[in-house]
Amino acid sequence: MPRAFGLVALVNVIGASFTVVALSFKVGKARKDYGVDLPTMYATGKDAKSVKFNCVQRGHQQALETFPMFLAASLVGGV
């Protein structure tokens, strides 16, 4: 194990976690801006507001889907 592996773990786990949290705040703001209430996951319709909200929501979902694989790959790569 390299001496600086702790820094690799710290940056990857904490940095990536802050990114996911920041994206969740963007979804919350988009919910207010575009009028999509919980528990609705995606907006229905093809109007501009629905499409914009769905893009923000999908970005957050994509980050959540790839987060575990990213962490595993970056921690293995750090070794």
PDB file of N, CA and C in Angstrom:
ATOM      1  N   MET A   1       0.851  -1.173   0.000  1.00  0.00           N
ATOM      2  CA  MET A   1       0.000   0.000   0.000  1.00  0.00           C
ATOM      3  C   MET A   1       0.902   1.242   0.000  1.00  0.00           C
ATOM      4  N   PRO A   2       0.706   2.166  -0.932  1.00  0.00           N
ATOM      5  CA  PRO A   2       1.507   3.390  -0.957  1.00  0.00           C
ATOM      6  C   PRO A   2       1.240   4.253   0.282  1.00  0.00           C
ATOM      7  N   ARG A   3       2.216   5.063   0.636  1.00  0.00           N
ATOM      8  CA  ARG A   3       2.062   5.925   1.815  1.00  0.00           C
ATOM      9  C   ARG A   3       0.951   6.938   1.640  1.00  0.00           C
ATOM     10  N   ALA A   4       0.773   7.428   0.438  1.00  0.00           N
ATOM     11  CA  ALA A   4      -0.226   8.468   0.194  1.00  0.00           C
ATOM     12  C   ALA A   4      -1.609   7.905  -0.143  1.00  0.00           C
ATOM     13  N   PHE A   5      -1.803   6.604   0.078  1.00  0.00           N
ATOM     14  CA  PHE A   5      -3.096   6.015  -0.267  1.00  0.00           C
ATOM     15  C   PHE A   5      -4.226   6.636   0.551  1.00  0.00           C
ATOM     16  N   GLY A   6      -3.953   7.050   1.759  1.00  0.00           N
ATOM     17  CA  GLY A   6      -4.965   7.717   2.576  1.00  0.00           C
ATOM     18  C   GLY A   6      -5.489   8.974   1.910  1.00  0.00           C
ATOM     19  N   LEU A   7      -4.605   9.702   1.248  1.00  0.00           N
ATOM     20  CA  LEU A   7      -5.038  10.899   0.519  1.00  0.00           C
ATOM     21  C   LEU A   7      -5.897  10.531  -0.679  1.00  0.00           C
ATOM     22  N   VAL A   8      -5.539   9.460  -1.351  1.00  0.00           N
ATOM     23  CA  VAL A   8      -6.349   8.996  -2.479  1.00  0.00           C
ATOM     24  C   VAL A   8      -7.758   8.676  -2.000  1.00  0.00           C
ATOM     25  N   ALA A   9      -7.844   7.928  -0.924  1.00  0.00           N
ATOM     26  CA  ALA A   9      -9.149   7.566  -0.375  1.00  0.00           C
ATOM     27  C   ALA A   9      -9.917   8.798   0.076  1.00  0.00           C
ATOM     28  N   LEU A  10      -9.247   9.697   0.739  1.00  0.00           N
ATOM     29  CA  LEU A  10      -9.897  10.908   1.237  1.00  0.00           C
ATOM     30  C   LEU A  10     -10.454  11.757   0.106  1.00  0.00           C
ATOM     31  N   VAL A  11      -9.643  12.009  -0.880  1.00  0.00           N
ATOM     32  CA  VAL A  11     -10.074  12.856  -1.993  1.00  0.00           C
ATOM     33  C   VAL A  11     -11.201  12.189  -2.777  1.00  0.00           C
ATOM     34  N   ASN A  12     -11.059  10.902  -3.054  1.00  0.00           N
ATOM     35  CA  ASN A  12     -12.074  10.221  -3.850  1.00  0.00           C
ATOM     36  C   ASN A  12     -13.390  10.066  -3.106  1.00  0.00           C
ATOM     37  N   VAL A  13     -13.344   9.620  -1.891  1.00  0.00           N
ATOM     38  CA  VAL A  13     -14.578   9.378  -1.153  1.00  0.00           C
ATOM     39  C   VAL A  13     -15.257  10.695  -0.777  1.00  0.00           C
ATOM     40  N   ILE A  14     -14.514  11.610  -0.194  1.00  0.00           N
ATOM     41  CA  ILE A  14     -15.129  12.864   0.246  1.00  0.00           C
ATOM     42  C   ILE A  14     -15.440  13.776  -0.938  1.00  0.00           C
ATOM     43  N   GLY A  15     -14.515  13.896  -1.880  1.00  0.00           N
ATOM     44  CA  GLY A  15     -14.758  14.747  -3.039  1.00  0.00           C
ATOM     45  C   GLY A  15     -15.938  14.280  -3.866  1.00  0.00           C
ATOM     46  N   ALA A  16     -15.998  12.991  -4.134  1.00  0.00           N
ATOM     47  CA  ALA A  16     -17.110  12.446  -4.910  1.00  0.00           C
ATOM     48  C   ALA A  16     -18.425  12.555  -4.134  1.00  0.00           C
ATOM     49  N   SER A  17     -18.373  12.386  -2.832  1.00  0.00           N
ATOM     50  CA  SER A  17     -19.585  12.519  -2.022  1.00  0.00           C
ATOM     51  C   SER A  17     -20.131  13.933  -2.069  1.00  0.00           C
ATOM     52  N   PHE A  18     -19.259  14.921  -1.999  1.00  0.00           N
ATOM     53  CA  PHE A  18     -19.707  16.310  -2.105  1.00  0.00           C
ATOM     54  C   PHE A  18     -20.329  16.584  -3.463  1.00  0.00           C
ATOM     55  N   THR A  19     -19.813  15.960  -4.501  1.00  0.00           N
ATOM     56  CA  THR A  19     -20.385  16.129  -5.834  1.00  0.00           C
ATOM     57  C   THR A  19     -21.813  15.594  -5.886  1.00  0.00           C
ATOM     58  N   VAL A  20     -22.040  14.424  -5.314  1.00  0.00           N
ATOM     59  CA  VAL A  20     -23.381  13.836  -5.303  1.00  0.00           C
ATOM     60  C   VAL A  20     -24.332  14.706  -4.478  1.00  0.00           C
ATOM     61  N   VAL A  21     -23.864  15.228  -3.362  1.00  0.00           N
ATOM     62  CA  VAL A  21     -24.697  16.095  -2.530  1.00  0.00           C
ATOM     63  C   VAL A  21     -25.024  17.391  -3.279  1.00  0.00           C
ATOM     64  N   ALA A  22     -24.051  17.966  -3.967  1.00  0.00           N
ATOM     65  CA  ALA A  22     -24.287  19.181  -4.744  1.00  0.00           C
ATOM     66  C   ALA A  22     -25.330  18.941  -5.831  1.00  0.00           C
ATOM     67  N   LEU A  23     -25.264  17.792  -6.474  1.00  0.00           N
ATOM     68  CA  LEU A  23     -26.265  17.467  -7.491  1.00  0.00           C
ATOM     69  C   LEU A  23     -27.656  17.312  -6.878  1.00  0.00           C
ATOM     70  N   SER A  24     -27.724  16.780  -5.667  1.00  0.00           N
ATOM     71  CA  SER A  24     -29.035  16.642  -5.020  1.00  0.00           C
ATOM     72  C   SER A  24     -29.622  18.015  -4.684  1.00  0.00           C
ATOM     73  N   PHE A  25     -28.770  18.971  -4.322  1.00  0.00           N
ATOM     74  CA  PHE A  25     -29.260  20.332  -4.092  1.00  0.00           C
ATOM     75  C   PHE A  25     -29.776  20.957  -5.387  1.00  0.00           C
ATOM     76  N   LYS A  26     -29.122  20.646  -6.505  1.00  0.00           N
ATOM     77  CA  LYS A  26     -29.597  21.149  -7.796  1.00  0.00           C
ATOM     78  C   LYS A  26     -30.974  20.585  -8.128  1.00  0.00           C
ATOM     79  N   VAL A  27     -31.195  19.316  -7.797  1.00  0.00           N
ATOM     80  CA  VAL A  27     -32.504  18.714  -8.034  1.00  0.00           C
ATOM     81  C   VAL A  27     -33.554  19.401  -7.163  1.00  0.00           C
ATOM     82  N   GLY A  28     -33.225  19.672  -5.909  1.00  0.00           N
ATOM     83  CA  GLY A  28     -34.158  20.364  -5.025  1.00  0.00           C
ATOM     84  C   GLY A  28     -34.519  21.745  -5.539  1.00  0.00           C
ATOM     85  N   LYS A  29     -33.526  22.467  -6.031  1.00  0.00           N
ATOM     86  CA  LYS A  29     -33.781  23.799  -6.593  1.00  0.00           C
ATOM     87  C   LYS A  29     -34.622  23.679  -7.852  1.00  0.00           C
ATOM     88  N   ALA A  30     -34.327  22.695  -8.685  1.00  0.00           N
ATOM     89  CA  ALA A  30     -35.103  22.502  -9.916  1.00  0.00           C
ATOM     90  C   ALA A  30     -36.544  22.135  -9.591  1.00  0.00           C
ATOM     91  N   ARG A  31     -36.763  21.377  -8.522  1.00  0.00           N
ATOM     92  CA  ARG A  31     -38.137  21.043  -8.121  1.00  0.00           C
ATOM     93  C   ARG A  31     -38.932  22.309  -7.822  1.00  0.00           C
ATOM     94  N   LYS A  32     -38.305  23.249  -7.123  1.00  0.00           N
ATOM     95  CA  LYS A  32     -38.986  24.515  -6.815  1.00  0.00           C
ATOM     96  C   LYS A  32     -39.192  25.341  -8.074  1.00  0.00           C
ATOM     97  N   ASP A  33     -38.151  25.447  -8.894  1.00  0.00           N
ATOM     98  CA  ASP A  33     -38.218  26.292 -10.089  1.00  0.00           C
ATOM     99  C   ASP A  33     -39.231  25.791 -11.115  1.00  0.00           C
ATOM    100  N   TYR A  34     -39.318  24.471 -11.272  1.00  0.00           N
ATOM    101  CA  TYR A  34     -40.167  23.912 -12.317  1.00  0.00           C
ATOM    102  C   TYR A  34     -41.463  23.317 -11.792  1.00  0.00           C
ATOM    103  N   GLY A  35     -41.694  23.390 -10.478  1.00  0.00           N
ATOM    104  CA  GLY A  35     -42.967  22.966  -9.898  1.00  0.00           C
ATOM    105  C   GLY A  35     -43.217  21.467  -9.924  1.00  0.00           C
ATOM    106  N   VAL A  36     -42.185  20.691  -9.678  1.00  0.00           N
ATOM    107  CA  VAL A  36     -42.332  19.234  -9.620  1.00  0.00           C
ATOM    108  C   VAL A  36     -42.231  18.824  -8.154  1.00  0.00           C
ATOM    109  N   ASP A  37     -43.355  18.414  -7.594  1.00  0.00           N
ATOM    110  CA  ASP A  37     -43.391  18.064  -6.169  1.00  0.00           C
ATOM    111  C   ASP A  37     -42.984  16.617  -5.943  1.00  0.00           C
ATOM    112  N   LEU A  38     -42.474  16.365  -4.737  1.00  0.00           N
ATOM    113  CA  LEU A  38     -42.190  14.995  -4.332  1.00  0.00           C
ATOM    114  C   LEU A  38     -43.501  14.262  -4.129  1.00  0.00           C
ATOM    115  N   PRO A  39     -43.622  13.025  -4.322  1.00  0.00           N
ATOM    116  CA  PRO A  39     -42.634  12.001  -4.621  1.00  0.00           C
ATOM    117  C   PRO A  39     -42.424  11.769  -6.116  1.00  0.00           C
ATOM    118  N   THR A  40     -42.889  12.663  -6.967  1.00  0.00           N
ATOM    119  CA  THR A  40     -42.739  12.502  -8.408  1.00  0.00           C
ATOM    120  C   THR A  40     -41.257  12.498  -8.767  1.00  0.00           C
ATOM    121  N   MET A  41     -40.811  11.451  -9.449  1.00  0.00           N
ATOM    122  CA  MET A  41     -39.396  11.326  -9.800  1.00  0.00           C
ATOM    123  C   MET A  41     -39.062  12.157 -11.022  1.00  0.00           C
ATOM    124  N   TYR A  42     -39.880  12.070 -12.051  1.00  0.00           N
ATOM    125  CA  TYR A  42     -39.659  12.805 -13.295  1.00  0.00           C
ATOM    126  C   TYR A  42     -40.917  13.566 -13.661  1.00  0.00           C
ATOM    127  N   ALA A  43     -40.728  14.702 -14.323  1.00  0.00           N
ATOM    128  CA  ALA A  43     -41.860  15.498 -14.772  1.00  0.00           C
ATOM    129  C   ALA A  43     -42.484  14.837 -16.002  1.00  0.00           C
ATOM    130  N   THR A  44     -43.795  14.972 -16.114  1.00  0.00           N
ATOM    131  CA  THR A  44     -44.472  14.444 -17.294  1.00  0.00           C
ATOM    132  C   THR A  44     -44.693  15.578 -18.273  1.00  0.00           C
ATOM    133  N   GLY A  45     -44.760  15.260 -19.526  1.00  0.00           N
ATOM    134  CA  GLY A  45     -44.992  16.268 -20.553  1.00  0.00           C
ATOM    135  C   GLY A  45     -43.740  16.526 -21.357  1.00  0.00           C
ATOM    136  N   LYS A  46     -43.917  17.265 -22.426  1.00  0.00           N
ATOM    137  CA  LYS A  46     -42.814  17.566 -23.339  1.00  0.00           C
ATOM    138  C   LYS A  46     -42.496  19.062 -23.383  1.00  0.00           C
ATOM    139  N   ASP A  47     -43.078  19.835 -22.471  1.00  0.00           N
ATOM    140  CA  ASP A  47     -42.792  21.272 -22.457  1.00  0.00           C
ATOM    141  C   ASP A  47     -41.365  21.523 -21.976  1.00  0.00           C
ATOM    142  N   ALA A  48     -40.879  22.746 -22.168  1.00  0.00           N
ATOM    143  CA  ALA A  48     -39.478  23.077 -21.855  1.00  0.00           C
ATOM    144  C   ALA A  48     -39.156  22.873 -20.379  1.00  0.00           C
ATOM    145  N   LYS A  49     -40.075  23.236 -19.486  1.00  0.00           N
ATOM    146  CA  LYS A  49     -39.824  23.082 -18.048  1.00  0.00           C
ATOM    147  C   LYS A  49     -39.660  21.612 -17.659  1.00  0.00           C
ATOM    148  N   SER A  50     -40.517  20.768 -18.203  1.00  0.00           N
ATOM    149  CA  SER A  50     -40.430  19.336 -17.900  1.00  0.00           C
ATOM    150  C   SER A  50     -39.124  18.746 -18.400  1.00  0.00           C
ATOM    151  N   VAL A  51     -38.738  19.130 -19.605  1.00  0.00           N
ATOM    152  CA  VAL A  51     -37.497  18.607 -20.184  1.00  0.00           C
ATOM    153  C   VAL A  51     -36.299  19.069 -19.369  1.00  0.00           C
ATOM    154  N   LYS A  52     -36.274  20.340 -18.959  1.00  0.00           N
ATOM    155  CA  LYS A  52     -35.146  20.854 -18.174  1.00  0.00           C
ATOM    156  C   LYS A  52     -35.063  20.169 -16.816  1.00  0.00           C
ATOM    157  N   PHE A  53     -36.209  20.001 -16.157  1.00  0.00           N
ATOM    158  CA  PHE A  53     -36.180  19.314 -14.871  1.00  0.00           C
ATOM    159  C   PHE A  53     -35.700  17.877 -15.038  1.00  0.00           C
ATOM    160  N   ASN A  54     -36.195  17.190 -16.039  1.00  0.00           N
ATOM    161  CA  ASN A  54     -35.806  15.798 -16.251  1.00  0.00           C
ATOM    162  C   ASN A  54     -34.315  15.675 -16.535  1.00  0.00           C
ATOM    163  N   CYS A  55     -33.725  16.667 -17.194  1.00  0.00           N
ATOM    164  CA  CYS A  55     -32.277  16.648 -17.432  1.00  0.00           C
ATOM    165  C   CYS A  55     -31.504  16.760 -16.115  1.00  0.00           C
ATOM    166  N   VAL A  56     -31.933  17.644 -15.236  1.00  0.00           N
ATOM    167  CA  VAL A  56     -31.268  17.796 -13.939  1.00  0.00           C
ATOM    168  C   VAL A  56     -31.423  16.527 -13.116  1.00  0.00           C
ATOM    169  N   GLN A  57     -32.633  15.985 -13.086  1.00  0.00           N
ATOM    170  CA  GLN A  57     -32.899  14.769 -12.314  1.00  0.00           C
ATOM    171  C   GLN A  57     -32.111  13.590 -12.870  1.00  0.00           C
ATOM    172  N   ARG A  58     -32.050  13.473 -14.184  1.00  0.00           N
ATOM    173  CA  ARG A  58     -31.333  12.350 -14.793  1.00  0.00           C
ATOM    174  C   ARG A  58     -29.836  12.449 -14.525  1.00  0.00           C
ATOM    175  N   GLY A  59     -29.303  13.678 -14.511  1.00  0.00           N
ATOM    176  CA  GLY A  59     -27.894  13.855 -14.184  1.00  0.00           C
ATOM    177  C   GLY A  59     -27.575  13.357 -12.784  1.00  0.00           C
ATOM    178  N   HIS A  60     -28.440  13.667 -11.848  1.00  0.00           N
ATOM    179  CA  HIS A  60     -28.250  13.204 -10.472  1.00  0.00           C
ATOM    180  C   HIS A  60     -28.376  11.684 -10.394  1.00  0.00           C
ATOM    181  N   GLN A  61     -29.354  11.122 -11.076  1.00  0.00           N
ATOM    182  CA  GLN A  61     -29.525   9.675 -11.066  1.00  0.00           C
ATOM    183  C   GLN A  61     -28.326   8.964 -11.690  1.00  0.00           C
ATOM    184  N   GLN A  62     -27.789   9.538 -12.757  1.00  0.00           N
ATOM    185  CA  GLN A  62     -26.615   8.940 -13.402  1.00  0.00           C
ATOM    186  C   GLN A  62     -25.431   8.931 -12.441  1.00  0.00           C
ATOM    187  N   ALA A  63     -25.258  10.019 -11.697  1.00  0.00           N
ATOM    188  CA  ALA A  63     -24.170  10.073 -10.723  1.00  0.00           C
ATOM    189  C   ALA A  63     -24.353   9.002  -9.646  1.00  0.00           C
ATOM    190  N   LEU A  64     -25.586   8.819  -9.181  1.00  0.00           N
ATOM    191  CA  LEU A  64     -25.846   7.801  -8.161  1.00  0.00           C
ATOM    192  C   LEU A  64     -25.617   6.391  -8.693  1.00  0.00           C
ATOM    193  N   GLU A  65     -25.934   6.183  -9.966  1.00  0.00           N
ATOM    194  CA  GLU A  65     -25.762   4.849 -10.549  1.00  0.00           C
ATOM    195  C   GLU A  65     -24.294   4.487 -10.718  1.00  0.00           C
ATOM    196  N   THR A  66     -23.453   5.455 -11.037  1.00  0.00           N
ATOM    197  CA  THR A  66     -22.045   5.181 -11.313  1.00  0.00           C
ATOM    198  C   THR A  66     -21.135   5.416 -10.107  1.00  0.00           C
ATOM    199  N   PHE A  67     -21.666   5.967  -9.033  1.00  0.00           N
ATOM    200  CA  PHE A  67     -20.866   6.315  -7.857  1.00  0.00           C
ATOM    201  C   PHE A  67     -20.117   5.121  -7.267  1.00  0.00           C
ATOM    202  N   PRO A  68     -20.774   3.982  -7.007  1.00  0.00           N
ATOM    203  CA  PRO A  68     -20.033   2.855  -6.412  1.00  0.00           C
ATOM    204  C   PRO A  68     -18.920   2.322  -7.314  1.00  0.00           C
ATOM    205  N   MET A  69     -19.184   2.240  -8.613  1.00  0.00           N
ATOM    206  CA  MET A  69     -18.160   1.749  -9.536  1.00  0.00           C
ATOM    207  C   MET A  69     -16.990   2.728  -9.628  1.00  0.00           C
ATOM    208  N   PHE A  70     -17.303   4.027  -9.611  1.00  0.00           N
ATOM    209  CA  PHE A  70     -16.245   5.039  -9.642  1.00  0.00           C
ATOM    210  C   PHE A  70     -15.370   4.936  -8.405  1.00  0.00           C
ATOM    211  N   LEU A  71     -15.986   4.814  -7.241  1.00  0.00           N
ATOM    212  CA  LEU A  71     -15.199   4.708  -6.010  1.00  0.00           C
ATOM    213  C   LEU A  71     -14.318   3.477  -6.017  1.00  0.00           C
ATOM    214  N   ALA A  72     -14.868   2.352  -6.410  1.00  0.00           N
ATOM    215  CA  ALA A  72     -14.087   1.122  -6.444  1.00  0.00           C
ATOM    216  C   ALA A  72     -12.908   1.245  -7.413  1.00  0.00           C
ATOM    217  N   ALA A  73     -13.169   1.762  -8.593  1.00  0.00           N
ATOM    218  CA  ALA A  73     -12.103   1.888  -9.594  1.00  0.00           C
ATOM    219  C   ALA A  73     -11.033   2.881  -9.156  1.00  0.00           C
ATOM    220  N   SER A  74     -11.437   3.978  -8.555  1.00  0.00           N
ATOM    221  CA  SER A  74     -10.446   4.972  -8.145  1.00  0.00           C
ATOM    222  C   SER A  74      -9.616   4.496  -6.951  1.00  0.00           C
ATOM    223  N   LEU A  75     -10.226   3.744  -6.049  1.00  0.00           N
ATOM    224  CA  LEU A  75      -9.463   3.221  -4.911  1.00  0.00           C
ATOM    225  C   LEU A  75      -8.493   2.131  -5.367  1.00  0.00           C
ATOM    226  N   VAL A  76      -8.922   1.290  -6.287  1.00  0.00           N
ATOM    227  CA  VAL A  76      -8.014   0.275  -6.835  1.00  0.00           C
ATOM    228  C   VAL A  76      -6.907   0.954  -7.634  1.00  0.00           C
ATOM    229  N   GLY A  77      -7.261   1.968  -8.401  1.00  0.00           N
ATOM    230  CA  GLY A  77      -6.262   2.703  -9.165  1.00  0.00           C
ATOM    231  C   GLY A  77      -5.270   3.427  -8.296  1.00  0.00           C
ATOM    232  N   GLY A  78      -5.675   3.825  -7.109  1.00  0.00           N
ATOM    233  CA  GLY A  78      -4.781   4.508  -6.188  1.00  0.00           C
ATOM    234  C   GLY A  78      -3.704   3.604  -5.611  1.00  0.00           C
ATOM    235  N   VAL A  79      -3.961   2.309  -5.631  1.00  0.00           N
ATOM    236  CA  VAL A  79      -2.964   1.344  -5.125  1.00  0.00           C
ATOM    237  C   VAL A  79      -1.893   1.192  -6.159  1.00  0.00           C
TER     238      VAL A  79
END
